[in-house]
Every structure is written in structure tokens, then in C-alpha cells.
Protein backbone atom coordinates (compact mmCIF):
# COMPACT_ATOMS: atom_id res chain seq x y z
CA MET A 1 -0.10 0.57 0.53
CA ILE A 2 1.08 3.39 -0.71
CA MET A 3 0.45 6.15 2.58
CA PRO A 4 1.20 9.62 0.35
CA PHE A 5 2.30 11.06 3.82
CA HIS A 6 0.56 14.34 4.63
CA LYS A 7 2.36 16.86 1.91
CA VAL A 8 1.35 14.66 -1.03
CA ARG A 9 -1.29 16.70 -3.85
CA ILE A 10 -3.32 13.64 -4.96
CA PHE A 11 -5.65 14.63 -8.32
CA VAL A 12 -8.28 12.39 -9.50
CA ALA A 13 -9.03 12.09 -12.70
CA SER A 14 -13.42 12.12 -12.93
CA ASP A 15 -12.91 10.49 -16.47
CA PRO A 16 -12.08 6.87 -17.19
CA VAL A 17 -9.03 6.50 -18.87
CA ASP A 18 -8.23 3.19 -21.24
CA PHE A 19 -6.71 0.72 -19.25
CA ARG A 20 -4.25 -0.55 -21.68
CA LYS A 21 -2.47 3.01 -21.25
CA GLY A 22 0.89 2.59 -19.33
CA HIS A 23 2.95 4.72 -17.69
CA ASP A 24 4.20 7.29 -20.01
CA GLY A 25 0.21 7.19 -21.50
CA LEU A 26 -1.03 8.14 -18.51
CA ALA A 27 1.42 10.86 -17.95
CA ALA A 28 1.04 12.15 -21.00
CA LEU A 29 -2.77 12.02 -20.11
CA VAL A 30 -2.12 14.41 -16.53
CA GLN A 31 -0.38 17.04 -18.95
CA SER A 32 -2.50 17.06 -21.52
CA HIS A 33 -5.80 16.64 -20.20
CA LEU A 34 -5.28 17.45 -16.53
CA ARG A 35 -2.89 20.14 -17.43
CA LYS A 36 -1.13 19.15 -14.49
CA LYS A 37 2.76 18.53 -14.13
CA PRO A 38 3.24 14.01 -14.03
CA PHE A 39 6.67 14.45 -12.69
CA ASP A 40 6.20 16.90 -9.90
CA GLY A 41 5.47 14.56 -7.41
CA SER A 42 1.66 14.32 -6.87
CA VAL A 43 -0.34 11.47 -6.83
CA TYR A 44 -3.00 10.77 -10.17
CA VAL A 45 -5.10 9.11 -9.92
CA PHE A 46 -7.42 7.43 -12.73
CA ARG A 47 -10.57 5.46 -13.24
CA ALA A 48 -11.70 3.11 -15.70
CA LYS A 49 -15.02 2.38 -17.20
CA ARG A 50 -15.60 -0.34 -14.84
CA ALA A 51 -15.57 1.40 -11.54
CA ASP A 52 -13.24 -1.47 -9.43
CA ARG A 53 -10.26 -0.67 -11.36
CA LEU A 54 -8.30 2.63 -10.86
CA LYS A 55 -4.32 2.92 -11.90
CA LEU A 56 -2.51 5.74 -10.27
CA ILE A 57 0.93 6.69 -10.96
CA TYR A 58 3.29 9.17 -9.62
CA TRP A 59 6.43 10.45 -9.49
CA ASP A 60 9.54 8.99 -6.81
CA GLY A 61 12.53 11.12 -7.25
CA SER A 62 14.58 8.47 -9.36
CA GLY A 63 11.44 7.07 -12.00
CA LEU A 64 8.24 7.10 -12.87
CA VAL A 65 5.83 4.64 -10.68
CA MET A 66 2.51 3.09 -11.24
CA ALA A 67 0.04 0.92 -9.05
CA TYR A 68 -2.76 -0.94 -10.19
CA LYS A 69 -5.97 -2.02 -8.38
CA ARG A 70 -8.68 -4.43 -9.27
CA LEU A 71 -11.85 -4.60 -6.02
CA GLU A 72 -12.80 -8.46 -6.35
CA ASP A 73 -16.29 -9.15 -5.15
CA ASN A 74 -16.92 -4.68 -4.51
CA SER A 75 -16.51 -1.57 -6.18
CA PHE A 76 -15.01 2.34 -5.86
CA LYS A 77 -16.85 4.95 -4.90
CA TRP A 78 -15.72 7.57 -7.79
CA PRO A 79 -16.53 11.33 -7.90
CA GLY A 80 -19.51 11.73 -10.53
CA ILE A 81 -18.15 11.92 -14.19
CA THR A 82 -17.66 14.53 -15.70
CA ASN A 83 -14.56 16.19 -17.14
CA GLY A 84 -12.16 17.40 -15.71
CA VAL A 85 -9.91 16.61 -12.02
CA MET A 86 -11.23 17.10 -8.14
CA ARG A 87 -7.86 17.10 -5.38
CA LEU A 88 -8.21 14.61 -2.93
CA GLU A 89 -6.57 14.74 1.07
CA PRO A 90 -4.48 11.74 2.72
CA ALA A 91 -7.10 10.88 4.39
CA GLN A 92 -9.60 9.64 1.77
CA PHE A 93 -7.20 8.57 -1.17
CA GLU A 94 -6.34 5.73 1.94
CA ALA A 95 -10.12 5.26 1.96
CA LEU A 96 -10.89 5.53 -1.55
CA PHE A 97 -7.65 2.47 -2.50
CA ALA A 98 -9.33 0.35 0.67
CA GLY A 99 -12.31 0.43 -0.83
CA LEU A 100 -14.08 2.22 1.76
CA ASP A 101 -16.41 5.46 0.90
CA TRP A 102 -13.75 8.85 0.62
CA ARG A 103 -16.52 10.62 0.90
CA ARG A 104 -16.90 10.08 4.37
CA VAL A 105 -14.13 11.39 5.41
CA GLN A 106 -13.37 14.79 7.41
CA PRO A 107 -9.79 14.53 7.34
CA LEU A 108 -8.30 17.00 10.82
CA GLU A 109 -6.69 20.26 10.51
CA VAL A 110 -4.54 20.69 14.08
CA ALA A 111 -2.16 23.67 13.70
CA ALA A 112 1.02 22.81 14.43
CA PRO A 113 2.66 23.90 17.50
CA SER A 114 5.48 26.62 17.52
CA ALA A 115 7.40 25.52 20.61
CA ALA A 116 7.30 21.85 21.76
CA GLU A 117 6.01 21.32 25.61
């Protein structure tokens, strides 16, 4: 499981993509359709037409990483199919990746302490 830390930006493409695409094809989609930079360290999540599959890519500093997940007896809870991209918080991404309803996850906003106690 990829566990992004709290500073990582996670973007979900709302349109289904052709799942025959590999690293380069998905990176090209990030650049051309999402208008983002595929090598900026952000995680980009893509859905198939079948709601039980996802692919994600991210640049880890030395190469482009791609992960694929298929749920066996369930489907992912996806945003409505529209042209565009939406941002998820890391806790919401973890819920999505686990097959849970990410819309029910509300990350806590906690200010960093000013000094150690």
C-alpha cells in the first residue's frame, strides 16, 4: 500500500481512461488533459470504465511509479463522471484505495504547535 504523507497532493481524474495505457500514456494524460505536471511528486489517480479498477502514477525522484488495483467483490466510490480533476486529502485517498466511501472521511485540520512542551 502506498501511504502518502500529509504534504503530498493527490489528484483524481474524473473521466474514465483506457486502462491499456502505461506509465508514459498516463503521464501524457496528466499533462494534456489534467493540465498538471506528471513529474512534480503528486499522485495522479485514474479510473477505468468499470468502477472496480484504478491506476495511479507518481514520480518518486528516480522514476515514474505506477500501481494498479482491482477490487474483487466491490467497486470504488468515484466522483461523478465529468471532464476534470479533483483533489483528495491523504486520508480520503487511503479510504478510496481501501474501497471505502472516501466522501465520509473528513481530515482533521490541526495547527502545528509553536513550541515543544
